[in-house]
């Protein structure tokens, strides 16, 4: 799962026994050499799906980590791109990897549940971060994104079709979440990361309650399952004009 440049087992154990913020500060220098970093295939598919829906002036990468999604925004936005994350270590890595040319890029340390922006962006994206939010936190999170967008702006993120019980990935994710629940019951501070807690039906309902109009766009690059349903979709939530 990890390249030779990735973290050691000991480093992962130390991270897992830290808070979410401290854990990512520790992991930041090697994060891009782990499977936790969103793949270029996903980033490219979302960029391709968003391109016809623009143009966009200003974009926000929510929970930007080391800035992979910010590079997608740099392809789509004409004026300014902002990456926001609460891990100083991840932002330090992202800052050193700021892509040259294109729109102006800035980095902001902030909690996604208390964004320091109001009607500032035409496009907000996020990649691979929602497992760090408990279901009860989604209404507040989506309200923050709604406030950060200008009227008519888009909030977009990819979701994969959940694996089925016959697939090994189903049991792997179930086991991971179970281990994290035991860890958080026995150890403080908690490390919130649950792969199966972010369910599309619940997410769509909470987005609509926050005032978004929600669409689902298949990502054709990932094909379809046996029943014809997409293997991956882009959720597109629009703040009505």
C-alpha atoms as a PDB file:
ATOM      1  CA  UNK A   1       0.000   0.000   0.000  1.00  0.00           C
ATOM      2  CA  UNK A   2       2.908   2.356   0.659  1.00  0.00           C
ATOM      3  CA  UNK A   3       5.898   3.301  -1.440  1.00  0.00           C
ATOM      4  CA  UNK A   4       9.397   3.126   0.076  1.00  0.00           C
ATOM      5  CA  UNK A   5       9.196   6.901   0.600  1.00  0.00           C
ATOM      6  CA  UNK A   6       6.038   6.530   2.693  1.00  0.00           C
ATOM      7  CA  UNK A   7       5.678   6.378   6.481  1.00  0.00           C
ATOM      8  CA  UNK A   8       6.937   3.442   8.516  1.00  0.00           C
ATOM      9  CA  UNK A   9       4.610   1.297  10.608  1.00  0.00           C
ATOM     10  CA  UNK A  10       5.910   3.029  13.729  1.00  0.00           C
ATOM     11  CA  UNK A  11       5.210   6.468  12.260  1.00  0.00           C
ATOM     12  CA  UNK A  12       1.667   5.417  11.367  1.00  0.00           C
ATOM     13  CA  UNK A  13       1.124   4.105  14.900  1.00  0.00           C
ATOM     14  CA  UNK A  14       2.272   7.395  16.422  1.00  0.00           C
ATOM     15  CA  UNK A  15      -0.024   9.284  14.073  1.00  0.00           C
ATOM     16  CA  UNK A  16      -2.990   7.048  14.900  1.00  0.00           C
ATOM     17  CA  UNK A  17      -2.527   7.701  18.627  1.00  0.00           C
ATOM     18  CA  UNK A  18      -2.440  11.478  18.130  1.00  0.00           C
ATOM     19  CA  UNK A  19      -5.214  13.982  17.542  1.00  0.00           C
ATOM     20  CA  UNK A  20      -6.343  14.444  13.934  1.00  0.00           C
ATOM     21  CA  UNK A  21      -4.486  17.758  13.665  1.00  0.00           C
ATOM     22  CA  UNK A  22      -1.264  16.504  15.262  1.00  0.00           C
ATOM     23  CA  UNK A  23      -1.442  13.245  13.319  1.00  0.00           C
ATOM     24  CA  UNK A  24      -1.517  15.055   9.998  1.00  0.00           C
ATOM     25  CA  UNK A  25       1.233  17.425  11.063  1.00  0.00           C
ATOM     26  CA  UNK A  26       3.400  14.338  11.602  1.00  0.00           C
ATOM     27  CA  UNK A  27       2.318  12.598   8.389  1.00  0.00           C
ATOM     28  CA  UNK A  28       2.547  15.668   6.144  1.00  0.00           C
ATOM     29  CA  UNK A  29       6.101  15.205   4.753  1.00  0.00           C
ATOM     30  CA  UNK A  30       5.244  11.685   3.539  1.00  0.00           C
ATOM     31  CA  UNK A  31       1.510  12.064   2.907  1.00  0.00           C
ATOM     32  CA  UNK A  32       1.780  12.106  -0.890  1.00  0.00           C
ATOM     33  CA  UNK A  33       3.483   8.684  -0.736  1.00  0.00           C
ATOM     34  CA  UNK A  34       0.466   7.059   0.941  1.00  0.00           C
ATOM     35  CA  UNK A  35      -2.839   5.736  -0.486  1.00  0.00           C
ATOM     36  CA  UNK A  36      -4.622   8.434   1.551  1.00  0.00           C
ATOM     37  CA  UNK A  37      -3.722  11.056  -1.042  1.00  0.00           C
ATOM     38  CA  UNK A  38      -6.484  11.336  -3.675  1.00  0.00           C
ATOM     39  CA  UNK A  39      -5.337   9.770  -6.930  1.00  0.00           C
ATOM     40  CA  UNK A  40      -4.676  11.847 -10.033  1.00  0.00           C
ATOM     41  CA  UNK A  41      -7.335   9.800 -11.843  1.00  0.00           C
ATOM     42  CA  UNK A  42     -10.025  11.071  -9.434  1.00  0.00           C
ATOM     43  CA  UNK A  43      -8.730  14.642  -9.568  1.00  0.00           C
ATOM     44  CA  UNK A  44      -8.680  14.627 -13.370  1.00  0.00           C
ATOM     45  CA  UNK A  45     -12.180  13.142 -13.593  1.00  0.00           C
ATOM     46  CA  UNK A  46     -13.633  15.836 -11.342  1.00  0.00           C
ATOM     47  CA  UNK A  47     -11.802  18.592 -13.216  1.00  0.00           C
ATOM     48  CA  UNK A  48     -13.170  17.261 -16.505  1.00  0.00           C
ATOM     49  CA  UNK A  49     -16.719  17.152 -15.121  1.00  0.00           C
ATOM     50  CA  UNK A  50     -16.504  20.694 -13.754  1.00  0.00           C
ATOM     51  CA  UNK A  51     -14.888  22.364 -16.760  1.00  0.00           C
ATOM     52  CA  UNK A  52     -18.100  22.734 -18.848  1.00  0.00           C
ATOM     53  CA  UNK A  53     -19.945  24.210 -15.838  1.00  0.00           C
ATOM     54  CA  UNK A  54     -17.628  27.224 -15.481  1.00  0.00           C
ATOM     55  CA  UNK A  55     -16.144  29.688 -15.889  1.00  0.00           C
ATOM     56  CA  UNK A  56     -15.035  30.209 -12.293  1.00  0.00           C
ATOM     57  CA  UNK A  57     -13.155  33.188 -10.912  1.00  0.00           C
ATOM     58  CA  UNK A  58     -12.272  32.157  -7.350  1.00  0.00           C
ATOM     59  CA  UNK A  59     -12.017  28.643  -5.923  1.00  0.00           C
ATOM     60  CA  UNK A  60     -11.580  27.062  -2.484  1.00  0.00           C
ATOM     61  CA  UNK A  61     -10.046  23.650  -1.762  1.00  0.00           C
ATOM     62  CA  UNK A  62     -11.697  22.607   1.515  1.00  0.00           C
ATOM     63  CA  UNK A  63      -9.419  20.501   3.761  1.00  0.00           C
ATOM     64  CA  UNK A  64      -6.735  20.871   1.104  1.00  0.00           C
ATOM     65  CA  UNK A  65      -4.017  18.761   2.735  1.00  0.00           C
ATOM     66  CA  UNK A  66      -0.860  18.966   0.639  1.00  0.00           C
ATOM     67  CA  UNK A  67      -2.701  20.754  -2.165  1.00  0.00           C
ATOM     68  CA  UNK A  68      -3.624  18.087  -4.710  1.00  0.00           C
ATOM     69  CA  UNK A  69      -7.129  19.498  -5.161  1.00  0.00           C
ATOM     70  CA  UNK A  70      -5.781  23.014  -5.303  1.00  0.00           C
ATOM     71  CA  UNK A  71      -3.971  22.098  -8.499  1.00  0.00           C
ATOM     72  CA  UNK A  72      -7.332  21.084  -9.961  1.00  0.00           C
ATOM     73  CA  UNK A  73      -8.723  24.513  -9.093  1.00  0.00           C
ATOM     74  CA  UNK A  74      -5.726  26.171 -10.711  1.00  0.00           C
ATOM     75  CA  UNK A  75      -6.877  24.593 -14.000  1.00  0.00           C
ATOM     76  CA  UNK A  76     -10.459  25.846 -13.587  1.00  0.00           C
ATOM     77  CA  UNK A  77     -10.266  29.260 -11.897  1.00  0.00           C
ATOM     78  CA  UNK A  78      -9.216  32.486 -13.556  1.00  0.00           C
ATOM     79  CA  UNK A  79      -8.396  34.759 -10.638  1.00  0.00           C
ATOM     80  CA  UNK A  80      -7.636  33.213  -7.232  1.00  0.00           C
ATOM     81  CA  UNK A  81      -7.343  29.787  -5.613  1.00  0.00           C
ATOM     82  CA  UNK A  82      -7.320  29.231  -1.844  1.00  0.00           C
ATOM     83  CA  UNK A  83      -6.432  26.092   0.083  1.00  0.00           C
ATOM     84  CA  UNK A  84      -7.702  25.788   3.658  1.00  0.00           C
ATOM     85  CA  UNK A  85      -6.696  23.152   6.208  1.00  0.00           C
ATOM     86  CA  UNK A  86      -6.273  23.010   9.974  1.00  0.00           C
ATOM     87  CA  UNK A  87      -2.948  21.149   9.823  1.00  0.00           C
ATOM     88  CA  UNK A  88       0.008  23.519   9.733  1.00  0.00           C
ATOM     89  CA  UNK A  89       2.246  20.659   8.594  1.00  0.00           C
ATOM     90  CA  UNK A  90       0.077  19.858   5.583  1.00  0.00           C
ATOM     91  CA  UNK A  91      -0.103  23.534   4.633  1.00  0.00           C
ATOM     92  CA  UNK A  92       3.696  23.847   4.832  1.00  0.00           C
ATOM     93  CA  UNK A  93       4.049  21.040   2.284  1.00  0.00           C
ATOM     94  CA  UNK A  94       1.312  22.515   0.081  1.00  0.00           C
ATOM     95  CA  UNK A  95       2.935  25.946   0.152  1.00  0.00           C
ATOM     96  CA  UNK A  96       6.252  24.520  -1.061  1.00  0.00           C
ATOM     97  CA  UNK A  97       4.427  22.797  -3.947  1.00  0.00           C
ATOM     98  CA  UNK A  98       2.392  25.778  -5.134  1.00  0.00           C
ATOM     99  CA  UNK A  99       2.055  25.374  -8.920  1.00  0.00           C
ATOM    100  CA  UNK A 100       3.758  28.135 -10.925  1.00  0.00           C
ATOM    101  CA  UNK A 101       1.761  30.423 -13.173  1.00  0.00           C
ATOM    102  CA  UNK A 102      -2.009  30.471 -13.423  1.00  0.00           C
ATOM    103  CA  UNK A 103      -4.255  32.144 -10.835  1.00  0.00           C
ATOM    104  CA  UNK A 104      -3.002  33.551  -7.552  1.00  0.00           C
ATOM    105  CA  UNK A 105      -2.759  30.831  -4.864  1.00  0.00           C
ATOM    106  CA  UNK A 106      -3.021  31.401  -1.107  1.00  0.00           C
ATOM    107  CA  UNK A 107      -3.036  29.088   1.894  1.00  0.00           C
ATOM    108  CA  UNK A 108      -5.154  29.584   5.021  1.00  0.00           C
ATOM    109  CA  UNK A 109      -5.048  27.675   8.287  1.00  0.00           C
ATOM    110  CA  UNK A 110      -8.606  27.283   9.549  1.00  0.00           C
ATOM    111  CA  UNK A 111     -11.156  24.709  10.687  1.00  0.00           C
ATOM    112  CA  UNK A 112     -13.673  23.778   7.974  1.00  0.00           C
ATOM    113  CA  UNK A 113     -16.399  24.059  10.635  1.00  0.00           C
ATOM    114  CA  UNK A 114     -15.590  27.763  11.140  1.00  0.00           C
ATOM    115  CA  UNK A 115     -14.503  29.147   7.770  1.00  0.00           C
ATOM    116  CA  UNK A 116     -13.263  32.766   7.718  1.00  0.00           C
ATOM    117  CA  UNK A 117     -14.977  33.529   4.391  1.00  0.00           C
ATOM    118  CA  UNK A 118     -18.314  34.981   3.305  1.00  0.00           C
ATOM    119  CA  UNK A 119     -19.598  34.881  -0.291  1.00  0.00           C
ATOM    120  CA  UNK A 120     -15.990  34.722  -1.501  1.00  0.00           C
ATOM    121  CA  UNK A 121     -15.920  31.819  -3.979  1.00  0.00           C
ATOM    122  CA  UNK A 122     -17.570  30.567  -7.143  1.00  0.00           C
ATOM    123  CA  UNK A 123     -16.369  26.988  -6.618  1.00  0.00           C
ATOM    124  CA  UNK A 124     -15.553  24.896  -3.538  1.00  0.00           C
ATOM    125  CA  UNK A 125     -14.089  21.399  -3.903  1.00  0.00           C
ATOM    126  CA  UNK A 126     -12.999  18.794  -1.396  1.00  0.00           C
ATOM    127  CA  UNK A 127     -11.223  15.464  -1.826  1.00  0.00           C
ATOM    128  CA  UNK A 128     -11.048  12.634   0.695  1.00  0.00           C
ATOM    129  CA  UNK A 129     -11.675  14.654   3.859  1.00  0.00           C
ATOM    130  CA  UNK A 130     -15.242  13.884   4.883  1.00  0.00           C
ATOM    131  CA  UNK A 131     -14.389  10.803   6.930  1.00  0.00           C
ATOM    132  CA  UNK A 132     -12.993  13.215   9.513  1.00  0.00           C
ATOM    133  CA  UNK A 133     -16.447  14.633  10.237  1.00  0.00           C
ATOM    134  CA  UNK A 134     -19.051  12.851  12.312  1.00  0.00           C
ATOM    135  CA  UNK A 135     -22.558  12.684  10.798  1.00  0.00           C
ATOM    136  CA  UNK A 136     -23.855  15.207  13.343  1.00  0.00           C
ATOM    137  CA  UNK A 137     -21.260  17.720  12.113  1.00  0.00           C
ATOM    138  CA  UNK A 138     -22.425  17.714   8.487  1.00  0.00           C
ATOM    139  CA  UNK A 139     -25.186  20.335   8.890  1.00  0.00           C
ATOM    140  CA  UNK A 140     -22.726  22.857  10.319  1.00  0.00           C
ATOM    141  CA  UNK A 141     -20.050  21.980   7.770  1.00  0.00           C
ATOM    142  CA  UNK A 142     -22.393  22.386   4.815  1.00  0.00           C
ATOM    143  CA  UNK A 143     -23.751  25.643   6.233  1.00  0.00           C
ATOM    144  CA  UNK A 144     -20.186  26.975   6.319  1.00  0.00           C
ATOM    145  CA  UNK A 145     -19.624  26.034   2.678  1.00  0.00           C
ATOM    146  CA  UNK A 146     -22.951  27.601   1.702  1.00  0.00           C
ATOM    147  CA  UNK A 147     -21.893  30.864   3.364  1.00  0.00           C
ATOM    148  CA  UNK A 148     -18.470  30.809   1.687  1.00  0.00           C
ATOM    149  CA  UNK A 149     -20.005  30.512  -1.794  1.00  0.00           C
ATOM    150  CA  UNK A 150     -21.387  33.341  -3.860  1.00  0.00           C
ATOM    151  CA  UNK A 151     -24.990  32.944  -5.085  1.00  0.00           C
ATOM    152  CA  UNK A 152     -24.922  30.536  -8.015  1.00  0.00           C
ATOM    153  CA  UNK A 153     -21.640  28.997  -6.820  1.00  0.00           C
ATOM    154  CA  UNK A 154     -20.861  25.266  -6.847  1.00  0.00           C
ATOM    155  CA  UNK A 155     -19.691  22.845  -4.157  1.00  0.00           C
ATOM    156  CA  UNK A 156     -18.302  19.665  -5.733  1.00  0.00           C
ATOM    157  CA  UNK A 157     -16.719  16.451  -4.466  1.00  0.00           C
ATOM    158  CA  UNK A 158     -16.385  12.844  -5.669  1.00  0.00           C
ATOM    159  CA  UNK A 159     -18.013   9.835  -4.024  1.00  0.00           C
ATOM    160  CA  UNK A 160     -17.326   6.198  -4.810  1.00  0.00           C
ATOM    161  CA  UNK A 161     -20.063   3.580  -4.908  1.00  0.00           C
ATOM    162  CA  UNK A 162     -19.957   1.708  -1.584  1.00  0.00           C
ATOM    163  CA  UNK A 163     -18.540  -1.811  -1.823  1.00  0.00           C
ATOM    164  CA  UNK A 164     -20.939  -4.704  -1.383  1.00  0.00           C
ATOM    165  CA  UNK A 165     -20.633  -7.469   1.236  1.00  0.00           C
ATOM    166  CA  UNK A 166     -19.322  -9.887  -1.395  1.00  0.00           C
ATOM    167  CA  UNK A 167     -16.340  -7.614  -2.048  1.00  0.00           C
ATOM    168  CA  UNK A 168     -13.186  -7.697   0.155  1.00  0.00           C
ATOM    169  CA  UNK A 169     -13.197  -3.875   0.357  1.00  0.00           C
ATOM    170  CA  UNK A 170     -16.495  -4.001   2.263  1.00  0.00           C
ATOM    171  CA  UNK A 171     -14.975  -6.016   5.085  1.00  0.00           C
ATOM    172  CA  UNK A 172     -11.743  -4.056   5.043  1.00  0.00           C
ATOM    173  CA  UNK A 173     -13.593  -0.745   5.549  1.00  0.00           C
ATOM    174  CA  UNK A 174     -15.916  -2.287   8.117  1.00  0.00           C
ATOM    175  CA  UNK A 175     -12.899  -3.580  10.055  1.00  0.00           C
ATOM    176  CA  UNK A 176     -11.089  -0.238   9.847  1.00  0.00           C
ATOM    177  CA  UNK A 177     -14.087   1.650  11.212  1.00  0.00           C
ATOM    178  CA  UNK A 178     -14.503  -0.900  14.017  1.00  0.00           C
ATOM    179  CA  UNK A 179     -10.855  -0.535  15.022  1.00  0.00           C
ATOM    180  CA  UNK A 180     -11.182   3.272  15.034  1.00  0.00           C
ATOM    181  CA  UNK A 181     -14.274   3.091  17.258  1.00  0.00           C
ATOM    182  CA  UNK A 182     -12.464   0.878  19.750  1.00  0.00           C
ATOM    183  CA  UNK A 183      -9.407   3.152  19.632  1.00  0.00           C
ATOM    184  CA  UNK A 184     -11.533   6.236  20.306  1.00  0.00           C
ATOM    185  CA  UNK A 185     -13.377   4.538  23.148  1.00  0.00           C
ATOM    186  CA  UNK A 186     -10.090   3.712  24.886  1.00  0.00           C
ATOM    187  CA  UNK A 187      -7.732   6.547  23.962  1.00  0.00           C
ATOM    188  CA  UNK A 188      -7.733  10.331  24.077  1.00  0.00           C
ATOM    189  CA  UNK A 189      -7.561  12.540  22.121  1.00  0.00           C
ATOM    190  CA  UNK A 190      -9.862  10.910  19.553  1.00  0.00           C
ATOM    191  CA  UNK A 191      -8.830  10.423  15.929  1.00  0.00           C
ATOM    192  CA  UNK A 192     -11.955  10.769  13.828  1.00  0.00           C
ATOM    193  CA  UNK A 193     -11.699   8.840  10.572  1.00  0.00           C
ATOM    194  CA  UNK A 194     -14.603   6.633   9.535  1.00  0.00           C
ATOM    195  CA  UNK A 195     -14.865   5.474   5.936  1.00  0.00           C
ATOM    196  CA  UNK A 196     -18.447   4.192   6.118  1.00  0.00           C
ATOM    197  CA  UNK A 197     -20.087   7.107   7.977  1.00  0.00           C
ATOM    198  CA  UNK A 198     -20.351   9.390   4.920  1.00  0.00           C
ATOM    199  CA  UNK A 199     -23.440   7.985   3.177  1.00  0.00           C
ATOM    200  CA  UNK A 200     -24.674   9.538  -0.030  1.00  0.00           C
ATOM    201  CA  UNK A 201     -28.374   9.577   0.886  1.00  0.00           C
ATOM    202  CA  UNK A 202     -27.633  11.310   4.213  1.00  0.00           C
ATOM    203  CA  UNK A 203     -25.213  13.713   2.563  1.00  0.00           C
ATOM    204  CA  UNK A 204     -27.705  14.713  -0.097  1.00  0.00           C
ATOM    205  CA  UNK A 205     -30.410  15.324   2.512  1.00  0.00           C
ATOM    206  CA  UNK A 206     -28.129  17.519   4.630  1.00  0.00           C
ATOM    207  CA  UNK A 207     -26.944  19.491   1.597  1.00  0.00           C
ATOM    208  CA  UNK A 208     -30.536  20.237   0.650  1.00  0.00           C
ATOM    209  CA  UNK A 209     -31.339  21.253   4.226  1.00  0.00           C
ATOM    210  CA  UNK A 210     -28.399  23.667   4.080  1.00  0.00           C
ATOM    211  CA  UNK A 211     -29.996  25.344   1.068  1.00  0.00           C
ATOM    212  CA  UNK A 212     -28.222  23.632  -1.839  1.00  0.00           C
ATOM    213  CA  UNK A 213     -29.724  22.301  -5.035  1.00  0.00           C
ATOM    214  CA  UNK A 214     -28.040  18.913  -5.510  1.00  0.00           C
ATOM    215  CA  UNK A 215     -27.166  17.006  -8.683  1.00  0.00           C
ATOM    216  CA  UNK A 216     -25.227  13.766  -9.185  1.00  0.00           C
ATOM    217  CA  UNK A 217     -22.883  13.507 -12.162  1.00  0.00           C
ATOM    218  CA  UNK A 218     -21.396  10.103 -13.102  1.00  0.00           C
ATOM    219  CA  UNK A 219     -17.635  10.037 -13.579  1.00  0.00           C
ATOM    220  CA  UNK A 220     -17.335   7.946 -16.769  1.00  0.00           C
ATOM    221  CA  UNK A 221     -13.620   7.257 -16.340  1.00  0.00           C
ATOM    222  CA  UNK A 222     -14.426   4.736 -13.589  1.00  0.00           C
ATOM    223  CA  UNK A 223     -17.032   2.771 -15.497  1.00  0.00           C
ATOM    224  CA  UNK A 224     -20.139   1.049 -14.157  1.00  0.00           C
ATOM    225  CA  UNK A 225     -20.991  -1.811 -11.845  1.00  0.00           C
ATOM    226  CA  UNK A 226     -22.810  -4.928 -12.964  1.00  0.00           C
ATOM    227  CA  UNK A 227     -26.218  -3.354 -12.346  1.00  0.00           C
ATOM    228  CA  UNK A 228     -25.338  -0.363 -14.548  1.00  0.00           C
ATOM    229  CA  UNK A 229     -24.835   2.111 -11.685  1.00  0.00           C
ATOM    230  CA  UNK A 230     -21.704   4.340 -11.799  1.00  0.00           C
ATOM    231  CA  UNK A 231     -18.661   3.269  -9.834  1.00  0.00           C
ATOM    232  CA  UNK A 232     -18.038   6.911  -8.982  1.00  0.00           C
ATOM    233  CA  UNK A 233     -20.040  10.131  -9.049  1.00  0.00           C
ATOM    234  CA  UNK A 234     -19.432  13.796  -8.542  1.00  0.00           C
ATOM    235  CA  UNK A 235     -21.815  15.470  -6.133  1.00  0.00           C
ATOM    236  CA  UNK A 236     -22.580  18.974  -7.389  1.00  0.00           C
ATOM    237  CA  UNK A 237     -24.335  21.220  -4.876  1.00  0.00           C
ATOM    238  CA  UNK A 238     -25.310  24.678  -6.128  1.00  0.00           C
ATOM    239  CA  UNK A 239     -26.100  27.663  -3.961  1.00  0.00           C
ATOM    240  CA  UNK A 240     -29.188  29.092  -5.706  1.00  0.00           C
ATOM    241  CA  UNK A 241     -28.864  32.537  -7.205  1.00  0.00           C
END
